[in-house]
Amino acid sequence: MHCRLESLLARDVPPVFDIIVSRATFKMKELLEHALPLLKPGGILAAMKGPGLEEEIGTLNTMKTKDFRILRDHSFTLPLTGDRRRIVLVDKPRRECR
């Protein structure tokens, strides 16, 4: 499915997505608050981020849910502009059976 996250926010959409990709549209905390409820357990959020990511990550400890892990943070330089970008991979862990 290709759609904007904003279009799903007003609907009661269950956690059906294996992967969600975001292209620098939200602050990290806001993105996680909106995207995590849509991800299946074991799902991945791939977020392209620009400058200021450290500050955004610092705000994540104020979130109500802690049901995510930052798996990878990859920095790279855009070839034409030389601007720095990062891709952050976040997962929603599967629940363990007890």
PDB file of N, CA and C in Angstrom:
ATOM      1  N   MET A   1       0.849  -1.159   0.000  1.00  0.00           N
ATOM      2  CA  MET A   1       0.000   0.000   0.000  1.00  0.00           C
ATOM      3  C   MET A   1       0.897   1.225   0.000  1.00  0.00           C
ATOM      4  N   HIS A   2       0.528   2.197  -0.776  1.00  0.00           N
ATOM      5  CA  HIS A   2       1.248   3.464  -0.803  1.00  0.00           C
ATOM      6  C   HIS A   2       0.274   4.550  -0.388  1.00  0.00           C
ATOM      7  N   CYS A   3       0.520   5.147   0.767  1.00  0.00           N
ATOM      8  CA  CYS A   3      -0.355   6.227   1.225  1.00  0.00           C
ATOM      9  C   CYS A   3       0.398   7.080   2.226  1.00  0.00           C
ATOM     10  N   ARG A   4      -0.190   8.182   2.545  1.00  0.00           N
ATOM     11  CA  ARG A   4       0.388   9.066   3.552  1.00  0.00           C
ATOM     12  C   ARG A   4      -0.083   8.619   4.927  1.00  0.00           C
ATOM     13  N   LEU A   5       0.814   8.649   5.881  1.00  0.00           N
ATOM     14  CA  LEU A   5       0.486   8.248   7.244  1.00  0.00           C
ATOM     15  C   LEU A   5      -0.675   9.066   7.791  1.00  0.00           C
ATOM     16  N   GLU A   6      -0.711  10.334   7.444  1.00  0.00           N
ATOM     17  CA  GLU A   6      -1.776  11.204   7.933  1.00  0.00           C
ATOM     18  C   GLU A   6      -3.161  10.686   7.548  1.00  0.00           C
ATOM     19  N   SER A   7      -3.270  10.051   6.380  1.00  0.00           N
ATOM     20  CA  SER A   7      -4.574   9.560   5.935  1.00  0.00           C
ATOM     21  C   SER A   7      -5.045   8.358   6.745  1.00  0.00           C
ATOM     22  N   LEU A   8      -4.135   7.684   7.431  1.00  0.00           N
ATOM     23  CA  LEU A   8      -4.505   6.522   8.247  1.00  0.00           C
ATOM     24  C   LEU A   8      -4.794   6.883   9.700  1.00  0.00           C
ATOM     25  N   LEU A   9      -4.374   8.057  10.125  1.00  0.00           N
ATOM     26  CA  LEU A   9      -4.472   8.420  11.539  1.00  0.00           C
ATOM     27  C   LEU A   9      -5.907   8.517  12.028  1.00  0.00           C
ATOM     28  N   ALA A  10      -6.800   8.984  11.186  1.00  0.00           N
ATOM     29  CA  ALA A  10      -8.192   9.170  11.609  1.00  0.00           C
ATOM     30  C   ALA A  10      -8.994   7.872  11.542  1.00  0.00           C
ATOM     31  N   ARG A  11      -8.436   6.866  10.899  1.00  0.00           N
ATOM     32  CA  ARG A  11      -9.144   5.591  10.772  1.00  0.00           C
ATOM     33  C   ARG A  11      -8.661   4.616  11.837  1.00  0.00           C
ATOM     34  N   ASP A  12      -9.458   3.609  12.088  1.00  0.00           N
ATOM     35  CA  ASP A  12      -9.094   2.579  13.057  1.00  0.00           C
ATOM     36  C   ASP A  12      -8.399   1.435  12.313  1.00  0.00           C
ATOM     37  N   VAL A  13      -7.129   1.644  11.966  1.00  0.00           N
ATOM     38  CA  VAL A  13      -6.371   0.666  11.187  1.00  0.00           C
ATOM     39  C   VAL A  13      -5.603  -0.238  12.147  1.00  0.00           C
ATOM     40  N   PRO A  14      -5.764  -1.555  12.023  1.00  0.00           N
ATOM     41  CA  PRO A  14      -5.045  -2.475  12.909  1.00  0.00           C
ATOM     42  C   PRO A  14      -3.563  -2.563  12.520  1.00  0.00           C
ATOM     43  N   PRO A  15      -2.741  -3.196  13.344  1.00  0.00           N
ATOM     44  CA  PRO A  15      -1.313  -3.343  13.032  1.00  0.00           C
ATOM     45  C   PRO A  15      -1.099  -4.392  11.938  1.00  0.00           C
ATOM     46  N   VAL A  16      -1.120  -3.967  10.683  1.00  0.00           N
ATOM     47  CA  VAL A  16      -1.050  -4.894   9.553  1.00  0.00           C
ATOM     48  C   VAL A  16       0.200  -4.720   8.686  1.00  0.00           C
ATOM     49  N   PHE A  17       1.025  -3.722   8.962  1.00  0.00           N
ATOM     50  CA  PHE A  17       2.145  -3.421   8.078  1.00  0.00           C
ATOM     51  C   PHE A  17       3.433  -4.080   8.557  1.00  0.00           C
ATOM     52  N   ASP A  18       4.156  -4.699   7.600  1.00  0.00           N
ATOM     53  CA  ASP A  18       5.459  -5.296   7.887  1.00  0.00           C
ATOM     54  C   ASP A  18       6.557  -4.242   7.892  1.00  0.00           C
ATOM     55  N   ILE A  19       6.399  -3.232   7.047  1.00  0.00           N
ATOM     56  CA  ILE A  19       7.394  -2.163   6.964  1.00  0.00           C
ATOM     57  C   ILE A  19       6.685  -0.846   6.649  1.00  0.00           C
ATOM     58  N   ILE A  20       7.172   0.210   7.278  1.00  0.00           N
ATOM     59  CA  ILE A  20       6.705   1.569   7.005  1.00  0.00           C
ATOM     60  C   ILE A  20       7.948   2.395   6.697  1.00  0.00           C
ATOM     61  N   VAL A  21       7.896   3.171   5.620  1.00  0.00           N
ATOM     62  CA  VAL A  21       9.011   4.016   5.206  1.00  0.00           C
ATOM     63  C   VAL A  21       8.577   5.469   5.314  1.00  0.00           C
ATOM     64  N   SER A  22       9.424   6.283   5.937  1.00  0.00           N
ATOM     65  CA  SER A  22       9.131   7.705   6.090  1.00  0.00           C
ATOM     66  C   SER A  22      10.294   8.512   5.538  1.00  0.00           C
ATOM     67  N   ARG A  23       9.976   9.534   4.759  1.00  0.00           N
ATOM     68  CA  ARG A  23      11.002  10.377   4.157  1.00  0.00           C
ATOM     69  C   ARG A  23      11.045  11.736   4.844  1.00  0.00           C
ATOM     70  N   ALA A  24      11.542  11.768   6.064  1.00  0.00           N
ATOM     71  CA  ALA A  24      11.790  13.024   6.784  1.00  0.00           C
ATOM     72  C   ALA A  24      10.547  13.892   6.906  1.00  0.00           C
ATOM     73  N   THR A  25       9.417  13.284   7.238  1.00  0.00           N
ATOM     74  CA  THR A  25       8.168  14.036   7.317  1.00  0.00           C
ATOM     75  C   THR A  25       7.764  14.417   8.730  1.00  0.00           C
ATOM     76  N   PHE A  26       8.181  13.667   9.719  1.00  0.00           N
ATOM     77  CA  PHE A  26       7.816  13.915  11.113  1.00  0.00           C
ATOM     78  C   PHE A  26       9.070  13.935  11.975  1.00  0.00           C
ATOM     79  N   LYS A  27       8.980  14.565  13.131  1.00  0.00           N
ATOM     80  CA  LYS A  27      10.001  14.374  14.157  1.00  0.00           C
ATOM     81  C   LYS A  27       9.927  12.911  14.584  1.00  0.00           C
ATOM     82  N   MET A  28      11.026  12.367  15.063  1.00  0.00           N
ATOM     83  CA  MET A  28      11.101  10.936  15.368  1.00  0.00           C
ATOM     84  C   MET A  28      10.045  10.498  16.387  1.00  0.00           C
ATOM     85  N   LYS A  29       9.848  11.268  17.432  1.00  0.00           N
ATOM     86  CA  LYS A  29       8.864  10.895  18.456  1.00  0.00           C
ATOM     87  C   LYS A  29       7.457  10.832  17.857  1.00  0.00           C
ATOM     88  N   GLU A  30       7.087  11.845  17.096  1.00  0.00           N
ATOM     89  CA  GLU A  30       5.759  11.888  16.482  1.00  0.00           C
ATOM     90  C   GLU A  30       5.591  10.746  15.474  1.00  0.00           C
ATOM     91  N   LEU A  31       6.636  10.485  14.705  1.00  0.00           N
ATOM     92  CA  LEU A  31       6.583   9.391  13.739  1.00  0.00           C
ATOM     93  C   LEU A  31       6.349   8.056  14.443  1.00  0.00           C
ATOM     94  N   LEU A  32       7.083   7.793  15.517  1.00  0.00           N
ATOM     95  CA  LEU A  32       6.910   6.535  16.248  1.00  0.00           C
ATOM     96  C   LEU A  32       5.520   6.436  16.871  1.00  0.00           C
ATOM     97  N   GLU A  33       5.032   7.532  17.433  1.00  0.00           N
ATOM     98  CA  GLU A  33       3.695   7.508  18.044  1.00  0.00           C
ATOM     99  C   GLU A  33       2.615   7.161  17.024  1.00  0.00           C
ATOM    100  N   HIS A  34       2.786   7.601  15.781  1.00  0.00           N
ATOM    101  CA  HIS A  34       1.797   7.329  14.736  1.00  0.00           C
ATOM    102  C   HIS A  34       2.025   5.987  14.045  1.00  0.00           C
ATOM    103  N   ALA A  35       3.286   5.616  13.847  1.00  0.00           N
ATOM    104  CA  ALA A  35       3.594   4.427  13.045  1.00  0.00           C
ATOM    105  C   ALA A  35       3.576   3.124  13.842  1.00  0.00           C
ATOM    106  N   LEU A  36       4.028   3.140  15.097  1.00  0.00           N
ATOM    107  CA  LEU A  36       4.103   1.890  15.862  1.00  0.00           C
ATOM    108  C   LEU A  36       2.769   1.159  15.965  1.00  0.00           C
ATOM    109  N   PRO A  37       1.650   1.845  16.187  1.00  0.00           N
ATOM    110  CA  PRO A  37       0.380   1.117  16.257  1.00  0.00           C
ATOM    111  C   PRO A  37      -0.014   0.439  14.937  1.00  0.00           C
ATOM    112  N   LEU A  38       0.580   0.862  13.829  1.00  0.00           N
ATOM    113  CA  LEU A  38       0.257   0.285  12.522  1.00  0.00           C
ATOM    114  C   LEU A  38       1.168  -0.883  12.146  1.00  0.00           C
ATOM    115  N   LEU A  39       2.314  -1.010  12.843  1.00  0.00           N
ATOM    116  CA  LEU A  39       3.276  -2.071  12.541  1.00  0.00           C
ATOM    117  C   LEU A  39       2.880  -3.377  13.208  1.00  0.00           C
ATOM    118  N   LYS A  40       3.039  -4.472  12.467  1.00  0.00           N
ATOM    119  CA  LYS A  40       2.887  -5.798  13.059  1.00  0.00           C
ATOM    120  C   LYS A  40       4.044  -6.021  14.035  1.00  0.00           C
ATOM    121  N   PRO A  41       3.875  -6.874  15.039  1.00  0.00           N
ATOM    122  CA  PRO A  41       5.039  -7.279  15.836  1.00  0.00           C
ATOM    123  C   PRO A  41       6.096  -7.877  14.899  1.00  0.00           C
ATOM    124  N   GLY A  42       7.320  -7.441  15.049  1.00  0.00           N
ATOM    125  CA  GLY A  42       8.390  -7.841  14.142  1.00  0.00           C
ATOM    126  C   GLY A  42       8.528  -6.916  12.951  1.00  0.00           C
ATOM    127  N   GLY A  43       7.650  -5.902  12.852  1.00  0.00           N
ATOM    128  CA  GLY A  43       7.690  -4.958  11.740  1.00  0.00           C
ATOM    129  C   GLY A  43       8.826  -3.960  11.881  1.00  0.00           C
ATOM    130  N   ILE A  44       9.163  -3.321  10.769  1.00  0.00           N
ATOM    131  CA  ILE A  44      10.287  -2.383  10.706  1.00  0.00           C
ATOM    132  C   ILE A  44       9.797  -1.016  10.232  1.00  0.00           C
ATOM    133  N   LEU A  45      10.294   0.019  10.882  1.00  0.00           N
ATOM    134  CA  LEU A  45      10.099   1.393  10.441  1.00  0.00           C
ATOM    135  C   LEU A  45      11.441   1.885   9.914  1.00  0.00           C
ATOM    136  N   ALA A  46      11.473   2.365   8.677  1.00  0.00           N
ATOM    137  CA  ALA A  46      12.674   2.943   8.083  1.00  0.00           C
ATOM    138  C   ALA A  46      12.428   4.437   7.931  1.00  0.00           C
ATOM    139  N   ALA A  47      13.190   5.232   8.660  1.00  0.00           N
ATOM    140  CA  ALA A  47      12.981   6.683   8.673  1.00  0.00           C
ATOM    141  C   ALA A  47      14.207   7.397   8.120  1.00  0.00           C
ATOM    142  N   MET A  48      14.014   8.178   7.058  1.00  0.00           N
ATOM    143  CA  MET A  48      15.087   9.020   6.555  1.00  0.00           C
ATOM    144  C   MET A  48      15.058  10.317   7.356  1.00  0.00           C
ATOM    145  N   LYS A  49      16.190  10.683   7.905  1.00  0.00           N
ATOM    146  CA  LYS A  49      16.261  11.858   8.774  1.00  0.00           C
ATOM    147  C   LYS A  49      17.389  12.776   8.319  1.00  0.00           C
ATOM    148  N   GLY A  50      17.238  14.040   8.652  1.00  0.00           N
ATOM    149  CA  GLY A  50      18.256  15.035   8.356  1.00  0.00           C
ATOM    150  C   GLY A  50      18.964  15.460   9.632  1.00  0.00           C
ATOM    151  N   PRO A  51      19.433  16.701   9.682  1.00  0.00           N
ATOM    152  CA  PRO A  51      20.136  17.204  10.862  1.00  0.00           C
ATOM    153  C   PRO A  51      19.231  17.226  12.097  1.00  0.00           C
ATOM    154  N   GLY A  52      19.820  17.125  13.263  1.00  0.00           N
ATOM    155  CA  GLY A  52      19.071  17.234  14.510  1.00  0.00           C
ATOM    156  C   GLY A  52      18.533  15.926  15.046  1.00  0.00           C
ATOM    157  N   LEU A  53      18.975  14.810  14.499  1.00  0.00           N
ATOM    158  CA  LEU A  53      18.438  13.522  14.926  1.00  0.00           C
ATOM    159  C   LEU A  53      18.770  13.213  16.384  1.00  0.00           C
ATOM    160  N   GLU A  54      19.963  13.573  16.837  1.00  0.00           N
ATOM    161  CA  GLU A  54      20.327  13.281  18.230  1.00  0.00           C
ATOM    162  C   GLU A  54      19.342  13.918  19.203  1.00  0.00           C
ATOM    163  N   GLU A  55      18.971  15.159  18.930  1.00  0.00           N
ATOM    164  CA  GLU A  55      18.003  15.848  19.784  1.00  0.00           C
ATOM    165  C   GLU A  55      16.650  15.137  19.743  1.00  0.00           C
ATOM    166  N   GLU A  56      16.237  14.706  18.554  1.00  0.00           N
ATOM    167  CA  GLU A  56      14.965  13.989  18.423  1.00  0.00           C
ATOM    168  C   GLU A  56      14.997  12.667  19.193  1.00  0.00           C
ATOM    169  N   ILE A  57      16.094  11.941  19.092  1.00  0.00           N
ATOM    170  CA  ILE A  57      16.212  10.665  19.806  1.00  0.00           C
ATOM    171  C   ILE A  57      16.195  10.900  21.310  1.00  0.00           C
ATOM    172  N   GLY A  58      16.753  12.019  21.753  1.00  0.00           N
ATOM    173  CA  GLY A  58      16.740  12.350  23.177  1.00  0.00           C
ATOM    174  C   GLY A  58      15.343  12.534  23.743  1.00  0.00           C
ATOM    175  N   THR A  59      14.366  12.848  22.905  1.00  0.00           N
ATOM    176  CA  THR A  59      12.992  13.039  23.386  1.00  0.00           C
ATOM    177  C   THR A  59      12.207  11.729  23.461  1.00  0.00           C
ATOM    178  N   LEU A  60      12.760  10.642  22.963  1.00  0.00           N
ATOM    179  CA  LEU A  60      12.015   9.380  22.899  1.00  0.00           C
ATOM    180  C   LEU A  60      11.734   8.781  24.272  1.00  0.00           C
ATOM    181  N   ASN A  61      12.548   9.135  25.286  1.00  0.00           N
ATOM    182  CA  ASN A  61      12.308   8.568  26.622  1.00  0.00           C
ATOM    183  C   ASN A  61      11.051   9.126  27.273  1.00  0.00           C
ATOM    184  N   THR A  62      10.427  10.129  26.679  1.00  0.00           N
ATOM    185  CA  THR A  62       9.173  10.665  27.223  1.00  0.00           C
ATOM    186  C   THR A  62       7.943  10.005  26.597  1.00  0.00           C
ATOM    187  N   MET A  63       8.168   9.053  25.701  1.00  0.00           N
ATOM    188  CA  MET A  63       7.032   8.386  25.053  1.00  0.00           C
ATOM    189  C   MET A  63       6.340   7.440  26.019  1.00  0.00           C
ATOM    190  N   LYS A  64       5.032   7.294  25.850  1.00  0.00           N
ATOM    191  CA  LYS A  64       4.260   6.371  26.687  1.00  0.00           C
ATOM    192  C   LYS A  64       4.654   4.931  26.409  1.00  0.00           C
ATOM    193  N   THR A  65       4.823   4.583  25.144  1.00  0.00           N
ATOM    194  CA  THR A  65       5.205   3.216  24.798  1.00  0.00           C
ATOM    195  C   THR A  65       6.712   3.110  24.644  1.00  0.00           C
ATOM    196  N   LYS A  66       7.248   2.016  25.094  1.00  0.00           N
ATOM    197  CA  LYS A  66       8.675   1.724  24.909  1.00  0.00           C
ATOM    198  C   LYS A  66       8.810   0.475  24.042  1.00  0.00           C
ATOM    199  N   ASP A  67       7.767   0.191  23.274  1.00  0.00           N
ATOM    200  CA  ASP A  67       7.673  -1.039  22.494  1.00  0.00           C
ATOM    201  C   ASP A  67       8.378  -0.891  21.149  1.00  0.00           C
ATOM    202  N   PHE A  68       9.671  -0.502  21.177  1.00  0.00           N
ATOM    203  CA  PHE A  68      10.446  -0.369  19.948  1.00  0.00           C
ATOM    204  C   PHE A  68      11.929  -0.437  20.290  1.00  0.00           C
ATOM    205  N   ARG A  69      12.724  -0.748  19.281  1.00  0.00           N
ATOM    206  CA  ARG A  69      14.186  -0.741  19.414  1.00  0.00           C
ATOM    207  C   ARG A  69      14.773  -0.060  18.184  1.00  0.00           C
ATOM    208  N   ILE A  70      15.783   0.767  18.396  1.00  0.00           N
ATOM    209  CA  ILE A  70      16.522   1.317  17.262  1.00  0.00           C
ATOM    210  C   ILE A  70      17.553   0.263  16.879  1.00  0.00           C
ATOM    211  N   LEU A  71      17.395  -0.288  15.681  1.00  0.00           N
ATOM    212  CA  LEU A  71      18.262  -1.365  15.222  1.00  0.00           C
ATOM    213  C   LEU A  71      19.526  -0.855  14.558  1.00  0.00           C
ATOM    214  N   ARG A  72      19.373   0.204  13.770  1.00  0.00           N
ATOM    215  CA  ARG A  72      20.503   0.680  12.988  1.00  0.00           C
ATOM    216  C   ARG A  72      20.324   2.158  12.691  1.00  0.00           C
ATOM    217  N   ASP A  73      21.426   2.868  12.654  1.00  0.00           N
ATOM    218  CA  ASP A  73      21.449   4.287  12.319  1.00  0.00           C
ATOM    219  C   ASP A  73      22.587   4.461  11.316  1.00  0.00           C
ATOM    220  N   HIS A  74      22.246   4.643  10.050  1.00  0.00           N
ATOM    221  CA  HIS A  74      23.246   4.694   8.980  1.00  0.00           C
ATOM    222  C   HIS A  74      23.338   6.114   8.426  1.00  0.00           C
ATOM    223  N   SER A  75      24.537   6.701   8.478  1.00  0.00           N
ATOM    224  CA  SER A  75      24.772   8.047   7.938  1.00  0.00           C
ATOM    225  C   SER A  75      25.317   7.951   6.519  1.00  0.00           C
ATOM    226  N   PHE A  76      24.923   8.913   5.683  1.00  0.00           N
ATOM    227  CA  PHE A  76      25.455   8.959   4.322  1.00  0.00           C
ATOM    228  C   PHE A  76      25.379  10.393   3.806  1.00  0.00           C
ATOM    229  N   THR A  77      26.075  10.643   2.703  1.00  0.00           N
ATOM    230  CA  THR A  77      26.109  11.957   2.067  1.00  0.00           C
ATOM    231  C   THR A  77      25.397  11.879   0.721  1.00  0.00           C
ATOM    232  N   LEU A  78      24.505  12.832   0.480  1.00  0.00           N
ATOM    233  CA  LEU A  78      23.817  12.885  -0.810  1.00  0.00           C
ATOM    234  C   LEU A  78      24.830  13.267  -1.894  1.00  0.00           C
ATOM    235  N   PRO A  79      24.857  12.547  -3.007  1.00  0.00           N
ATOM    236  CA  PRO A  79      25.914  12.758  -3.997  1.00  0.00           C
ATOM    237  C   PRO A  79      25.883  14.118  -4.695  1.00  0.00           C
ATOM    238  N   LEU A  80      24.733  14.666  -4.972  1.00  0.00           N
ATOM    239  CA  LEU A  80      24.676  15.924  -5.724  1.00  0.00           C
ATOM    240  C   LEU A  80      24.830  17.155  -4.850  1.00  0.00           C
ATOM    241  N   THR A  81      24.310  17.108  -3.632  1.00  0.00           N
ATOM    242  CA  THR A  81      24.330  18.297  -2.775  1.00  0.00           C
ATOM    243  C   THR A  81      25.392  18.239  -1.686  1.00  0.00           C
ATOM    244  N   GLY A  82      25.836  17.045  -1.330  1.00  0.00           N
ATOM    245  CA  GLY A  82      26.783  16.904  -0.234  1.00  0.00           C
ATOM    246  C   GLY A  82      26.127  16.973   1.133  1.00  0.00           C
ATOM    247  N   ASP A  83      24.803  17.098   1.168  1.00  0.00           N
ATOM    248  CA  ASP A  83      24.082  17.144   2.446  1.00  0.00           C
ATOM    249  C   ASP A  83      24.160  15.787   3.137  1.00  0.00           C
ATOM    250  N   ARG A  84      24.201  15.825   4.475  1.00  0.00           N
ATOM    251  CA  ARG A  84      24.244  14.597   5.273  1.00  0.00           C
ATOM    252  C   ARG A  84      22.826  14.153   5.581  1.00  0.00           C
ATOM    253  N   ARG A  85      22.597  12.851   5.509  1.00  0.00           N
ATOM    254  CA  ARG A  85      21.314  12.244   5.852  1.00  0.00           C
ATOM    255  C   ARG A  85      21.579  10.987   6.660  1.00  0.00           C
ATOM    256  N   ARG A  86      20.531  10.514   7.310  1.00  0.00           N
ATOM    257  CA  ARG A  86      20.623   9.272   8.074  1.00  0.00           C
ATOM    258  C   ARG A  86      19.369   8.455   7.823  1.00  0.00           C
ATOM    259  N   ILE A  87      19.547   7.165   7.795  1.00  0.00           N
ATOM    260  CA  ILE A  87      18.416   6.252   7.759  1.00  0.00           C
ATOM    261  C   ILE A  87      18.433   5.491   9.075  1.00  0.00           C
ATOM    262  N   VAL A  88      17.328   5.580   9.789  1.00  0.00           N
ATOM    263  CA  VAL A  88      17.194   4.918  11.084  1.00  0.00           C
ATOM    264  C   VAL A  88      16.202   3.772  10.918  1.00  0.00           C
ATOM    265  N   LEU A  89      16.624   2.584  11.328  1.00  0.00           N
ATOM    266  CA  LEU A  89      15.745   1.416  11.299  1.00  0.00           C
ATOM    267  C   LEU A  89      15.294   1.108  12.716  1.00  0.00           C
ATOM    268  N   VAL A  90      13.988   1.035  12.891  1.00  0.00           N
ATOM    269  CA  VAL A  90      13.375   0.788  14.201  1.00  0.00           C
ATOM    270  C   VAL A  90      12.495  -0.436  14.056  1.00  0.00           C
ATOM    271  N   ASP A  91      12.532  -1.334  15.050  1.00  0.00           N
ATOM    272  CA  ASP A  91      11.612  -2.468  14.973  1.00  0.00           C
ATOM    273  C   ASP A  91      10.657  -2.469  16.148  1.00  0.00           C
ATOM    274  N   LYS A  92       9.552  -3.144  15.923  1.00  0.00           N
ATOM    275  CA  LYS A  92       8.555  -3.382  16.965  1.00  0.00           C
ATOM    276  C   LYS A  92       8.701  -4.863  17.312  1.00  0.00           C
ATOM    277  N   PRO A  93       9.342  -5.167  18.443  1.00  0.00           N
ATOM    278  CA  PRO A  93       9.651  -6.571  18.757  1.00  0.00           C
ATOM    279  C   PRO A  93       8.405  -7.441  18.841  1.00  0.00           C
ATOM    280  N   ARG A  94       8.604  -8.704  18.501  1.00  0.00           N
ATOM    281  CA  ARG A  94       7.537  -9.689  18.679  1.00  0.00           C
ATOM    282  C   ARG A  94       7.366  -9.933  20.168  1.00  0.00           C
ATOM    283  N   ARG A  95       6.175 -10.219  20.572  1.00  0.00           N
ATOM    284  CA  ARG A  95       5.909 -10.565  21.970  1.00  0.00           C
ATOM    285  C   ARG A  95       6.348 -12.003  22.205  1.00  0.00           C
ATOM    286  N   GLU A  96       7.012 -12.236  23.321  1.00  0.00           N
ATOM    287  CA  GLU A  96       7.435 -13.596  23.659  1.00  0.00           C
ATOM    288  C   GLU A  96       6.322 -14.326  24.384  1.00  0.00           C
ATOM    289  N   CYS A  97       6.162 -15.604  24.062  1.00  0.00           N
ATOM    290  CA  CYS A  97       5.185 -16.437  24.771  1.00  0.00           C
ATOM    291  C   CYS A  97       5.778 -16.841  26.112  1.00  0.00           C
ATOM    292  N   ARG A  98       4.962 -16.880  27.112  1.00  0.00           N
ATOM    293  CA  ARG A  98       5.441 -17.280  28.444  1.00  0.00           C
ATOM    294  C   ARG A  98       4.707 -18.489  28.903  1.00  0.00           C
TER     295      ARG A  98
END
